[in-house]
Structure formats: C-alpha cells, structure tokens
Amino acid sequence: IAKMMSNMMYERRYFPLLTQVIVGGVVGKPILYTLDPLGSVLPDEYAAVGTGAEMALGVLDPGFKQGLSEQEALDMATKAVHSATMRDSFSGDGIDLMVIDKNGVKTPPMVA
C-alpha cells in the first residue's frame, strides 16, 4: 500500500496532493512508513506528521525505545499529541487513540 500511494503521489508531483501520510501494517512484523507530498517513502519506528509534528517529535524522540508496553506507548502518544495541540492551533483540540493488533481494533478509555 505504501508503494502504491507513493506512485500515486509522485505522478501528481507537479500538482501535489498537499498531504503527509503514515502507513502501517504487519508483514511478518509491524512496519511503519511515512510518505511526503511528492511520494518519498521512509520506513520509521515511530512517526508524526502535520503542523504539530515538530512538537510531537519532541516528545517521541527521547521517549521511544524498543519493547514499549501497550500502555507506555499509549501514554507517550497521548503526551505527544497533547504537546502539539497546546503549541499549535492547527493541531486541533482533541485526541482519539486506537490500538490495532493481531486481535483487531480497540479504543482504549481516555484518562484526563
């Protein structure tokens, strides 16, 4: 899917789709890609895109480590998005989290 989206975005490079995309899935192991508006595909272990990405990455960069528990990852994701929303008015004012794993999709309860 990431390669297909990359090709679609590259074909429109002269009139780009002004978007940044995160694509994730499991192909033997979990994998994550980010795509820029011209279709460049970068594999990542974690990602943030959008106007608040720099603020979110300020939380993710020092906090990410291999083997985070689900709860640790949820807490860090919440903190990263909250950091972006507090410093960037275009980042919105809410957080919706979903966990996707081999058992399906679930929405964890939010704690204020």
PDB file of N, CA and C in Angstrom:
ATOM      1  N   ILE A   1       0.834  -1.192   0.000  1.00  0.00           N
ATOM      2  CA  ILE A   1       0.000   0.000   0.000  1.00  0.00           C
ATOM      3  C   ILE A   1       0.872   1.247   0.000  1.00  0.00           C
ATOM      4  N   ALA A   2       1.955   1.235   0.792  1.00  0.00           N
ATOM      5  CA  ALA A   2       2.830   2.413   0.843  1.00  0.00           C
ATOM      6  C   ALA A   2       3.425   2.698  -0.536  1.00  0.00           C
ATOM      7  N   LYS A   3       3.863   1.651  -1.248  1.00  0.00           N
ATOM      8  CA  LYS A   3       4.444   1.836  -2.581  1.00  0.00           C
ATOM      9  C   LYS A   3       3.394   2.341  -3.566  1.00  0.00           C
ATOM     10  N   MET A   4       2.182   1.814  -3.493  1.00  0.00           N
ATOM     11  CA  MET A   4       1.108   2.256  -4.375  1.00  0.00           C
ATOM     12  C   MET A   4       0.807   3.747  -4.128  1.00  0.00           C
ATOM     13  N   MET A   5       0.713   4.127  -2.854  1.00  0.00           N
ATOM     14  CA  MET A   5       0.448   5.536  -2.544  1.00  0.00           C
ATOM     15  C   MET A   5       1.606   6.418  -2.991  1.00  0.00           C
ATOM     16  N   SER A   6       2.821   5.920  -2.836  1.00  0.00           N
ATOM     17  CA  SER A   6       3.988   6.665  -3.290  1.00  0.00           C
ATOM     18  C   SER A   6       3.916   6.935  -4.780  1.00  0.00           C
ATOM     19  N   ASN A   7       3.574   5.913  -5.558  1.00  0.00           N
ATOM     20  CA  ASN A   7       3.452   6.087  -7.014  1.00  0.00           C
ATOM     21  C   ASN A   7       2.370   7.103  -7.367  1.00  0.00           C
ATOM     22  N   MET A   8       1.230   7.028  -6.682  1.00  0.00           N
ATOM     23  CA  MET A   8       0.136   7.970  -6.939  1.00  0.00           C
ATOM     24  C   MET A   8       0.567   9.400  -6.623  1.00  0.00           C
ATOM     25  N   MET A   9       1.264   9.575  -5.518  1.00  0.00           N
ATOM     26  CA  MET A   9       1.684  10.924  -5.125  1.00  0.00           C
ATOM     27  C   MET A   9       2.776  11.454  -6.055  1.00  0.00           C
ATOM     28  N   TYR A  10       3.683  10.583  -6.478  1.00  0.00           N
ATOM     29  CA  TYR A  10       4.745  11.006  -7.384  1.00  0.00           C
ATOM     30  C   TYR A  10       4.176  11.416  -8.743  1.00  0.00           C
ATOM     31  N   GLU A  11       3.179  10.700  -9.222  1.00  0.00           N
ATOM     32  CA  GLU A  11       2.556  11.048 -10.505  1.00  0.00           C
ATOM     33  C   GLU A  11       1.950  12.442 -10.469  1.00  0.00           C
ATOM     34  N   ARG A  12       1.582  12.910  -9.289  1.00  0.00           N
ATOM     35  CA  ARG A  12       0.976  14.240  -9.150  1.00  0.00           C
ATOM     36  C   ARG A  12       1.999  15.271  -8.656  1.00  0.00           C
ATOM     37  N   ARG A  13       3.286  15.028  -8.834  1.00  0.00           N
ATOM     38  CA  ARG A  13       4.325  15.884  -8.257  1.00  0.00           C
ATOM     39  C   ARG A  13       4.255  17.334  -8.726  1.00  0.00           C
ATOM     40  N   TYR A  14       3.735  17.571  -9.926  1.00  0.00           N
ATOM     41  CA  TYR A  14       3.637  18.945 -10.414  1.00  0.00           C
ATOM     42  C   TYR A  14       2.397  19.651  -9.868  1.00  0.00           C
ATOM     43  N   PHE A  15       1.421  18.890  -9.446  1.00  0.00           N
ATOM     44  CA  PHE A  15       0.229  19.394  -8.772  1.00  0.00           C
ATOM     45  C   PHE A  15      -0.004  18.494  -7.568  1.00  0.00           C
ATOM     46  N   PRO A  16       0.875  18.605  -6.564  1.00  0.00           N
ATOM     47  CA  PRO A  16       0.882  17.604  -5.478  1.00  0.00           C
ATOM     48  C   PRO A  16      -0.368  17.629  -4.599  1.00  0.00           C
ATOM     49  N   LEU A  17      -0.638  16.452  -4.068  1.00  0.00           N
ATOM     50  CA  LEU A  17      -1.643  16.333  -3.020  1.00  0.00           C
ATOM     51  C   LEU A  17      -0.949  16.829  -1.754  1.00  0.00           C
ATOM     52  N   LEU A  18      -1.362  17.936  -1.240  1.00  0.00           N
ATOM     53  CA  LEU A  18      -0.665  18.534  -0.106  1.00  0.00           C
ATOM     54  C   LEU A  18      -1.035  17.782   1.171  1.00  0.00           C
ATOM     55  N   THR A  19      -0.381  16.660   1.326  1.00  0.00           N
ATOM     56  CA  THR A  19      -0.655  15.802   2.460  1.00  0.00           C
ATOM     57  C   THR A  19       0.606  15.062   2.861  1.00  0.00           C
ATOM     58  N   GLN A  20       0.641  14.640   4.091  1.00  0.00           N
ATOM     59  CA  GLN A  20       1.674  13.734   4.575  1.00  0.00           C
ATOM     60  C   GLN A  20       0.932  12.520   5.111  1.00  0.00           C
ATOM     61  N   VAL A  21       1.478  11.354   4.881  1.00  0.00           N
ATOM     62  CA  VAL A  21       0.752  10.126   5.171  1.00  0.00           C
ATOM     63  C   VAL A  21       1.598   9.204   6.037  1.00  0.00           C
ATOM     64  N   ILE A  22       0.941   8.522   6.956  1.00  0.00           N
ATOM     65  CA  ILE A  22       1.566   7.447   7.717  1.00  0.00           C
ATOM     66  C   ILE A  22       0.838   6.169   7.335  1.00  0.00           C
ATOM     67  N   VAL A  23       1.594   5.157   6.933  1.00  0.00           N
ATOM     68  CA  VAL A  23       1.035   3.855   6.586  1.00  0.00           C
ATOM     69  C   VAL A  23       1.692   2.819   7.481  1.00  0.00           C
ATOM     70  N   GLY A  24       0.876   2.014   8.126  1.00  0.00           N
ATOM     71  CA  GLY A  24       1.417   0.967   8.991  1.00  0.00           C
ATOM     72  C   GLY A  24       0.714  -0.340   8.743  1.00  0.00           C
ATOM     73  N   GLY A  25       1.373  -1.411   9.112  1.00  0.00           N
ATOM     74  CA  GLY A  25       0.774  -2.717   8.966  1.00  0.00           C
ATOM     75  C   GLY A  25       1.684  -3.785   9.527  1.00  0.00           C
ATOM     76  N   VAL A  26       1.282  -5.010   9.324  1.00  0.00           N
ATOM     77  CA  VAL A  26       2.073  -6.144   9.783  1.00  0.00           C
ATOM     78  C   VAL A  26       2.324  -7.052   8.594  1.00  0.00           C
ATOM     79  N   VAL A  27       3.585  -7.206   8.251  1.00  0.00           N
ATOM     80  CA  VAL A  27       4.002  -8.135   7.210  1.00  0.00           C
ATOM     81  C   VAL A  27       5.124  -8.968   7.836  1.00  0.00           C
ATOM     82  N   GLY A  28       4.725  -9.967   8.586  1.00  0.00           N
ATOM     83  CA  GLY A  28       5.701 -10.737   9.355  1.00  0.00           C
ATOM     84  C   GLY A  28       6.028 -10.060  10.667  1.00  0.00           C
ATOM     85  N   LYS A  29       6.241  -8.751  10.611  1.00  0.00           N
ATOM     86  CA  LYS A  29       6.492  -7.929  11.797  1.00  0.00           C
ATOM     87  C   LYS A  29       5.848  -6.559  11.561  1.00  0.00           C
ATOM     88  N   PRO A  30       5.592  -5.824  12.625  1.00  0.00           N
ATOM     89  CA  PRO A  30       4.999  -4.489  12.438  1.00  0.00           C
ATOM     90  C   PRO A  30       5.946  -3.581  11.653  1.00  0.00           C
ATOM     91  N   ILE A  31       5.380  -2.796  10.756  1.00  0.00           N
ATOM     92  CA  ILE A  31       6.184  -1.869   9.961  1.00  0.00           C
ATOM     93  C   ILE A  31       5.421  -0.564   9.770  1.00  0.00           C
ATOM     94  N   LEU A  32       6.156   0.533   9.682  1.00  0.00           N
ATOM     95  CA  LEU A  32       5.566   1.861   9.578  1.00  0.00           C
ATOM     96  C   LEU A  32       6.322   2.649   8.523  1.00  0.00           C
ATOM     97  N   TYR A  33       5.589   3.351   7.669  1.00  0.00           N
ATOM     98  CA  TYR A  33       6.193   4.204   6.652  1.00  0.00           C
ATOM     99  C   TYR A  33       5.575   5.592   6.738  1.00  0.00           C
ATOM    100  N   THR A  34       6.374   6.604   6.427  1.00  0.00           N
ATOM    101  CA  THR A  34       5.836   7.946   6.213  1.00  0.00           C
ATOM    102  C   THR A  34       6.062   8.300   4.745  1.00  0.00           C
ATOM    103  N   LEU A  35       5.117   9.039   4.182  1.00  0.00           N
ATOM    104  CA  LEU A  35       5.221   9.492   2.797  1.00  0.00           C
ATOM    105  C   LEU A  35       5.094  11.006   2.778  1.00  0.00           C
ATOM    106  N   ASP A  36       5.969  11.659   2.027  1.00  0.00           N
ATOM    107  CA  ASP A  36       5.857  13.103   1.892  1.00  0.00           C
ATOM    108  C   ASP A  36       4.972  13.433   0.690  1.00  0.00           C
ATOM    109  N   PRO A  37       4.651  14.716   0.464  1.00  0.00           N
ATOM    110  CA  PRO A  37       3.724  15.066  -0.621  1.00  0.00           C
ATOM    111  C   PRO A  37       4.184  14.654  -2.025  1.00  0.00           C
ATOM    112  N   LEU A  38       5.492  14.433  -2.214  1.00  0.00           N
ATOM    113  CA  LEU A  38       5.988  14.027  -3.532  1.00  0.00           C
ATOM    114  C   LEU A  38       6.134  12.523  -3.661  1.00  0.00           C
ATOM    115  N   GLY A  39       5.784  11.778  -2.606  1.00  0.00           N
ATOM    116  CA  GLY A  39       5.778  10.329  -2.696  1.00  0.00           C
ATOM    117  C   GLY A  39       7.001   9.620  -2.145  1.00  0.00           C
ATOM    118  N   SER A  40       7.927  10.346  -1.533  1.00  0.00           N
ATOM    119  CA  SER A  40       9.072   9.667  -0.923  1.00  0.00           C
ATOM    120  C   SER A  40       8.579   8.775   0.201  1.00  0.00           C
ATOM    121  N   VAL A  41       9.099   7.551   0.269  1.00  0.00           N
ATOM    122  CA  VAL A  41       8.685   6.578   1.278  1.00  0.00           C
ATOM    123  C   VAL A  41       9.848   6.360   2.236  1.00  0.00           C
ATOM    124  N   LEU A  42       9.595   6.582   3.523  1.00  0.00           N
ATOM    125  CA  LEU A  42      10.629   6.389   4.535  1.00  0.00           C
ATOM    126  C   LEU A  42      10.138   5.413   5.589  1.00  0.00           C
ATOM    127  N   PRO A  43      10.868   4.324   5.816  1.00  0.00           N
ATOM    128  CA  PRO A  43      10.491   3.437   6.914  1.00  0.00           C
ATOM    129  C   PRO A  43      10.855   4.087   8.246  1.00  0.00           C
ATOM    130  N   ASP A  44      10.004   3.941   9.231  1.00  0.00           N
ATOM    131  CA  ASP A  44      10.228   4.547  10.539  1.00  0.00           C
ATOM    132  C   ASP A  44       9.804   3.579  11.637  1.00  0.00           C
ATOM    133  N   GLU A  45      10.309   3.818  12.844  1.00  0.00           N
ATOM    134  CA  GLU A  45       9.844   3.066  14.004  1.00  0.00           C
ATOM    135  C   GLU A  45       8.707   3.802  14.699  1.00  0.00           C
ATOM    136  N   TYR A  46       8.644   5.117  14.508  1.00  0.00           N
ATOM    137  CA  TYR A  46       7.557   5.955  15.008  1.00  0.00           C
ATOM    138  C   TYR A  46       7.490   7.167  14.096  1.00  0.00           C
ATOM    139  N   ALA A  47       6.371   7.860  14.107  1.00  0.00           N
ATOM    140  CA  ALA A  47       6.225   8.980  13.187  1.00  0.00           C
ATOM    141  C   ALA A  47       5.219   9.981  13.711  1.00  0.00           C
ATOM    142  N   ALA A  48       5.353  11.208  13.244  1.00  0.00           N
ATOM    143  CA  ALA A  48       4.381  12.276  13.465  1.00  0.00           C
ATOM    144  C   ALA A  48       4.390  13.134  12.205  1.00  0.00           C
ATOM    145  N   VAL A  49       3.220  13.518  11.727  1.00  0.00           N
ATOM    146  CA  VAL A  49       3.125  14.378  10.553  1.00  0.00           C
ATOM    147  C   VAL A  49       2.134  15.494  10.854  1.00  0.00           C
ATOM    148  N   GLY A  50       2.196  16.517  10.053  1.00  0.00           N
ATOM    149  CA  GLY A  50       1.268  17.629  10.211  1.00  0.00           C
ATOM    150  C   GLY A  50       1.945  18.846  10.808  1.00  0.00           C
ATOM    151  N   THR A  51       1.146  19.870  11.063  1.00  0.00           N
ATOM    152  CA  THR A  51       1.702  21.134  11.533  1.00  0.00           C
ATOM    153  C   THR A  51       2.301  21.030  12.929  1.00  0.00           C
ATOM    154  N   GLY A  52       1.848  20.105  13.730  1.00  0.00           N
ATOM    155  CA  GLY A  52       2.381  19.945  15.081  1.00  0.00           C
ATOM    156  C   GLY A  52       3.421  18.850  15.205  1.00  0.00           C
ATOM    157  N   ALA A  53       3.913  18.352  14.071  1.00  0.00           N
ATOM    158  CA  ALA A  53       4.841  17.219  14.100  1.00  0.00           C
ATOM    159  C   ALA A  53       6.101  17.512  14.900  1.00  0.00           C
ATOM    160  N   GLU A  54       6.637  18.707  14.766  1.00  0.00           N
ATOM    161  CA  GLU A  54       7.876  19.021  15.479  1.00  0.00           C
ATOM    162  C   GLU A  54       7.675  18.946  16.990  1.00  0.00           C
ATOM    163  N   MET A  55       6.538  19.447  17.474  1.00  0.00           N
ATOM    164  CA  MET A  55       6.257  19.378  18.909  1.00  0.00           C
ATOM    165  C   MET A  55       6.049  17.933  19.351  1.00  0.00           C
ATOM    166  N   ALA A  56       5.325  17.159  18.550  1.00  0.00           N
ATOM    167  CA  ALA A  56       5.087  15.756  18.890  1.00  0.00           C
ATOM    168  C   ALA A  56       6.394  14.970  18.876  1.00  0.00           C
ATOM    169  N   LEU A  57       7.237  15.225  17.879  1.00  0.00           N
ATOM    170  CA  LEU A  57       8.515  14.519  17.815  1.00  0.00           C
ATOM    171  C   LEU A  57       9.433  14.906  18.967  1.00  0.00           C
ATOM    172  N   GLY A  58       9.244  16.095  19.520  1.00  0.00           N
ATOM    173  CA  GLY A  58       9.998  16.493  20.704  1.00  0.00           C
ATOM    174  C   GLY A  58       9.707  15.606  21.899  1.00  0.00           C
ATOM    175  N   VAL A  59       8.550  14.978  21.914  1.00  0.00           N
ATOM    176  CA  VAL A  59       8.191  14.016  22.964  1.00  0.00           C
ATOM    177  C   VAL A  59       8.597  12.604  22.540  1.00  0.00           C
ATOM    178  N   LEU A  60       8.351  12.272  21.279  1.00  0.00           N
ATOM    179  CA  LEU A  60       8.615  10.918  20.795  1.00  0.00           C
ATOM    180  C   LEU A  60      10.107  10.591  20.719  1.00  0.00           C
ATOM    181  N   ASP A  61      10.913  11.532  20.253  1.00  0.00           N
ATOM    182  CA  ASP A  61      12.345  11.245  20.078  1.00  0.00           C
ATOM    183  C   ASP A  61      13.017  10.768  21.369  1.00  0.00           C
ATOM    184  N   PRO A  62      12.895  11.488  22.465  1.00  0.00           N
ATOM    185  CA  PRO A  62      13.563  10.999  23.683  1.00  0.00           C
ATOM    186  C   PRO A  62      12.819   9.860  24.381  1.00  0.00           C
ATOM    187  N   GLY A  63      11.533   9.697  24.116  1.00  0.00           N
ATOM    188  CA  GLY A  63      10.738   8.715  24.847  1.00  0.00           C
ATOM    189  C   GLY A  63      10.641   7.345  24.214  1.00  0.00           C
ATOM    190  N   PHE A  64      10.902   7.245  22.901  1.00  0.00           N
ATOM    191  CA  PHE A  64      10.728   5.961  22.227  1.00  0.00           C
ATOM    192  C   PHE A  64      11.875   5.019  22.543  1.00  0.00           C
ATOM    193  N   LYS A  65      11.523   3.773  22.793  1.00  0.00           N
ATOM    194  CA  LYS A  65      12.514   2.701  22.909  1.00  0.00           C
ATOM    195  C   LYS A  65      11.843   1.411  22.457  1.00  0.00           C
ATOM    196  N   GLN A  66      12.635   0.478  21.989  1.00  0.00           N
ATOM    197  CA  GLN A  66      12.094  -0.811  21.565  1.00  0.00           C
ATOM    198  C   GLN A  66      11.448  -1.507  22.761  1.00  0.00           C
ATOM    199  N   GLY A  67      10.368  -2.206  22.518  1.00  0.00           N
ATOM    200  CA  GLY A  67       9.751  -3.011  23.559  1.00  0.00           C
ATOM    201  C   GLY A  67       8.851  -2.262  24.521  1.00  0.00           C
ATOM    202  N   LEU A  68       8.354  -1.080  24.127  1.00  0.00           N
ATOM    203  CA  LEU A  68       7.401  -0.368  24.978  1.00  0.00           C
ATOM    204  C   LEU A  68       6.157  -1.231  25.184  1.00  0.00           C
ATOM    205  N   SER A  69       5.608  -1.184  26.378  1.00  0.00           N
ATOM    206  CA  SER A  69       4.335  -1.866  26.597  1.00  0.00           C
ATOM    207  C   SER A  69       3.237  -1.071  25.891  1.00  0.00           C
ATOM    208  N   GLU A  70       2.089  -1.700  25.700  1.00  0.00           N
ATOM    209  CA  GLU A  70       0.978  -1.001  25.064  1.00  0.00           C
ATOM    210  C   GLU A  70       0.609   0.250  25.850  1.00  0.00           C
ATOM    211  N   GLN A  71       0.559   0.153  27.153  1.00  0.00           N
ATOM    212  CA  GLN A  71       0.187   1.304  27.976  1.00  0.00           C
ATOM    213  C   GLN A  71       1.230   2.409  27.896  1.00  0.00           C
ATOM    214  N   GLU A  72       2.515   2.044  27.899  1.00  0.00           N
ATOM    215  CA  GLU A  72       3.572   3.051  27.762  1.00  0.00           C
ATOM    216  C   GLU A  72       3.462   3.766  26.418  1.00  0.00           C
ATOM    217  N   ALA A  73       3.186   3.004  25.355  1.00  0.00           N
ATOM    218  CA  ALA A  73       3.041   3.600  24.026  1.00  0.00           C
ATOM    219  C   ALA A  73       1.828   4.530  23.971  1.00  0.00           C
ATOM    220  N   LEU A  74       0.716   4.108  24.559  1.00  0.00           N
ATOM    221  CA  LEU A  74      -0.477   4.960  24.593  1.00  0.00           C
ATOM    222  C   LEU A  74      -0.207   6.241  25.369  1.00  0.00           C
ATOM    223  N   ASP A  75       0.460   6.123  26.517  1.00  0.00           N
ATOM    224  CA  ASP A  75       0.778   7.307  27.318  1.00  0.00           C
ATOM    225  C   ASP A  75       1.675   8.267  26.554  1.00  0.00           C
ATOM    226  N   MET A  76       2.680   7.729  25.867  1.00  0.00           N
ATOM    227  CA  MET A  76       3.594   8.582  25.112  1.00  0.00           C
ATOM    228  C   MET A  76       2.884   9.229  23.928  1.00  0.00           C
ATOM    229  N   ALA A  77       2.037   8.482  23.221  1.00  0.00           N
ATOM    230  CA  ALA A  77       1.291   9.045  22.099  1.00  0.00           C
ATOM    231  C   ALA A  77       0.367  10.170  22.571  1.00  0.00           C
ATOM    232  N   THR A  78      -0.299   9.952  23.691  1.00  0.00           N
ATOM    233  CA  THR A  78      -1.179  10.981  24.250  1.00  0.00           C
ATOM    234  C   THR A  78      -0.389  12.227  24.610  1.00  0.00           C
ATOM    235  N   LYS A  79       0.753  12.040  25.245  1.00  0.00           N
ATOM    236  CA  LYS A  79       1.600  13.175  25.637  1.00  0.00           C
ATOM    237  C   LYS A  79       2.113  13.929  24.402  1.00  0.00           C
ATOM    238  N   ALA A  80       2.477  13.175  23.347  1.00  0.00           N
ATOM    239  CA  ALA A  80       2.983  13.805  22.118  1.00  0.00           C
ATOM    240  C   ALA A  80       1.908  14.646  21.434  1.00  0.00           C
ATOM    241  N   VAL A  81       0.714  14.091  21.287  1.00  0.00           N
ATOM    242  CA  VAL A  81      -0.367  14.837  20.634  1.00  0.00           C
ATOM    243  C   VAL A  81      -0.784  16.023  21.499  1.00  0.00           C
ATOM    244  N   HIS A  82      -0.856  15.823  22.809  1.00  0.00           N
ATOM    245  CA  HIS A  82      -1.200  16.922  23.714  1.00  0.00           C
ATOM    246  C   HIS A  82      -0.179  18.053  23.587  1.00  0.00           C
ATOM    247  N   SER A  83       1.096  17.706  23.502  1.00  0.00           N
ATOM    248  CA  SER A  83       2.142  18.716  23.336  1.00  0.00           C
ATOM    249  C   SER A  83       1.924  19.512  22.054  1.00  0.00           C
ATOM    250  N   ALA A  84       1.570  18.821  20.972  1.00  0.00           N
ATOM    251  CA  ALA A  84       1.328  19.508  19.702  1.00  0.00           C
ATOM    252  C   ALA A  84       0.101  20.410  19.788  1.00  0.00           C
ATOM    253  N   THR A  85      -0.980  19.926  20.393  1.00  0.00           N
ATOM    254  CA  THR A  85      -2.210  20.720  20.438  1.00  0.00           C
ATOM    255  C   THR A  85      -2.064  21.945  21.330  1.00  0.00           C
ATOM    256  N   MET A  86      -1.196  21.882  22.312  1.00  0.00           N
ATOM    257  CA  MET A  86      -1.001  23.028  23.207  1.00  0.00           C
ATOM    258  C   MET A  86      -0.169  24.135  22.554  1.00  0.00           C
ATOM    259  N   ARG A  87       0.636  23.781  21.553  1.00  0.00           N
ATOM    260  CA  ARG A  87       1.556  24.749  20.956  1.00  0.00           C
ATOM    261  C   ARG A  87       1.246  25.093  19.505  1.00  0.00           C
ATOM    262  N   ASP A  88       0.276  24.389  18.916  1.00  0.00           N
ATOM    263  CA  ASP A  88      -0.052  24.608  17.515  1.00  0.00           C
ATOM    264  C   ASP A  88      -1.570  24.594  17.346  1.00  0.00           C
ATOM    265  N   SER A  89      -2.122  25.733  17.054  1.00  0.00           N
ATOM    266  CA  SER A  89      -3.583  25.831  16.986  1.00  0.00           C
ATOM    267  C   SER A  89      -4.178  25.024  15.836  1.00  0.00           C
ATOM    268  N   PHE A  90      -3.390  24.695  14.825  1.00  0.00           N
ATOM    269  CA  PHE A  90      -3.901  23.907  13.708  1.00  0.00           C
ATOM    270  C   PHE A  90      -3.939  22.415  14.010  1.00  0.00           C
ATOM    271  N   SER A  91      -3.388  22.008  15.150  1.00  0.00           N
ATOM    272  CA  SER A  91      -3.358  20.586  15.501  1.00  0.00           C
ATOM    273  C   SER A  91      -4.664  20.096  16.111  1.00  0.00           C
ATOM    274  N   GLY A  92      -5.609  20.971  16.281  1.00  0.00           N
ATOM    275  CA  GLY A  92      -6.892  20.558  16.838  1.00  0.00           C
ATOM    276  C   GLY A  92      -6.910  20.633  18.350  1.00  0.00           C
ATOM    277  N   ASP A  93      -7.966  20.080  18.935  1.00  0.00           N
ATOM    278  CA  ASP A  93      -8.102  20.195  20.389  1.00  0.00           C
ATOM    279  C   ASP A  93      -8.553  18.891  21.030  1.00  0.00           C
ATOM    280  N   GLY A  94      -8.326  17.779  20.365  1.00  0.00           N
ATOM    281  CA  GLY A  94      -8.738  16.508  20.928  1.00  0.00           C
ATOM    282  C   GLY A  94      -7.806  15.388  20.522  1.00  0.00           C
ATOM    283  N   ILE A  95      -7.932  14.275  21.222  1.00  0.00           N
ATOM    284  CA  ILE A  95      -7.097  13.105  20.943  1.00  0.00           C
ATOM    285  C   ILE A  95      -8.005  11.887  20.843  1.00  0.00           C
ATOM    286  N   ASP A  96      -7.899  11.166  19.750  1.00  0.00           N
ATOM    287  CA  ASP A  96      -8.584   9.889  19.572  1.00  0.00           C
ATOM    288  C   ASP A  96      -7.516   8.835  19.341  1.00  0.00           C
ATOM    289  N   LEU A  97      -7.479   7.829  20.188  1.00  0.00           N
ATOM    290  CA  LEU A  97      -6.499   6.755  20.048  1.00  0.00           C
ATOM    291  C   LEU A  97      -7.197   5.442  19.725  1.00  0.00           C
ATOM    292  N   MET A  98      -6.530   4.643  18.910  1.00  0.00           N
ATOM    293  CA  MET A  98      -6.997   3.289  18.619  1.00  0.00           C
ATOM    294  C   MET A  98      -5.789   2.377  18.655  1.00  0.00           C
ATOM    295  N   VAL A  99      -5.990   1.183  19.145  1.00  0.00           N
ATOM    296  CA  VAL A  99      -4.941   0.171  19.166  1.00  0.00           C
ATOM    297  C   VAL A  99      -5.301  -0.892  18.142  1.00  0.00           C
ATOM    298  N   ILE A 100      -4.378  -1.139  17.225  1.00  0.00           N
ATOM    299  CA  ILE A 100      -4.582  -2.161  16.206  1.00  0.00           C
ATOM    300  C   ILE A 100      -3.544  -3.243  16.460  1.00  0.00           C
ATOM    301  N   ASP A 101      -4.014  -4.444  16.694  1.00  0.00           N
ATOM    302  CA  ASP A 101      -3.103  -5.567  16.907  1.00  0.00           C
ATOM    303  C   ASP A 101      -3.667  -6.812  16.251  1.00  0.00           C
ATOM    304  N   LYS A 102      -3.038  -7.960  16.511  1.00  0.00           N
ATOM    305  CA  LYS A 102      -3.478  -9.196  15.858  1.00  0.00           C
ATOM    306  C   LYS A 102      -4.894  -9.598  16.239  1.00  0.00           C
ATOM    307  N   ASN A 103      -5.421  -9.019  17.332  1.00  0.00           N
ATOM    308  CA  ASN A 103      -6.780  -9.334  17.777  1.00  0.00           C
ATOM    309  C   ASN A 103      -7.829  -8.401  17.211  1.00  0.00           C
ATOM    310  N   GLY A 104      -7.398  -7.392  16.460  1.00  0.00           N
ATOM    311  CA  GLY A 104      -8.348  -6.444  15.895  1.00  0.00           C
ATOM    312  C   GLY A 104      -8.078  -5.020  16.336  1.00  0.00           C
ATOM    313  N   VAL A 105      -9.136  -4.237  16.391  1.00  0.00           N
ATOM    314  CA  VAL A 105      -9.049  -2.809  16.721  1.00  0.00           C
ATOM    315  C   VAL A 105      -9.819  -2.563  18.013  1.00  0.00           C
ATOM    316  N   LYS A 106      -9.215  -1.767  18.889  1.00  0.00           N
ATOM    317  CA  LYS A 106      -9.926  -1.377  20.115  1.00  0.00           C
ATOM    318  C   LYS A 106      -9.622   0.085  20.409  1.00  0.00           C
ATOM    319  N   THR A 107     -10.555   0.708  21.087  1.00  0.00           N
ATOM    320  CA  THR A 107     -10.401   2.104  21.505  1.00  0.00           C
ATOM    321  C   THR A 107     -10.234   2.104  23.022  1.00  0.00           C
ATOM    322  N   PRO A 108      -9.042   2.431  23.497  1.00  0.00           N
ATOM    323  CA  PRO A 108      -8.828   2.427  24.941  1.00  0.00           C
ATOM    324  C   PRO A 108      -9.555   3.591  25.602  1.00  0.00           C
ATOM    325  N   PRO A 109      -9.928   3.423  26.864  1.00  0.00           N
ATOM    326  CA  PRO A 109     -10.570   4.546  27.573  1.00  0.00           C
ATOM    327  C   PRO A 109      -9.556   5.668  27.766  1.00  0.00           C
ATOM    328  N   MET A 110     -10.017   6.888  27.611  1.00  0.00           N
ATOM    329  CA  MET A 110      -9.137   8.058  27.788  1.00  0.00           C
ATOM    330  C   MET A 110      -9.184   8.510  29.235  1.00  0.00           C
ATOM    331  N   VAL A 111      -8.022   8.839  29.752  1.00  0.00           N
ATOM    332  CA  VAL A 111      -7.916   9.359  31.117  1.00  0.00           C
ATOM    333  C   VAL A 111      -7.483  10.810  31.002  1.00  0.00           C
ATOM    334  N   ALA A 112      -8.222  11.693  31.634  1.00  0.00           N
ATOM    335  CA  ALA A 112      -7.901  13.121  31.540  1.00  0.00           C
ATOM    336  C   ALA A 112      -6.704  13.472  32.365  1.00  0.00           C
TER     337      ALA A 112
END
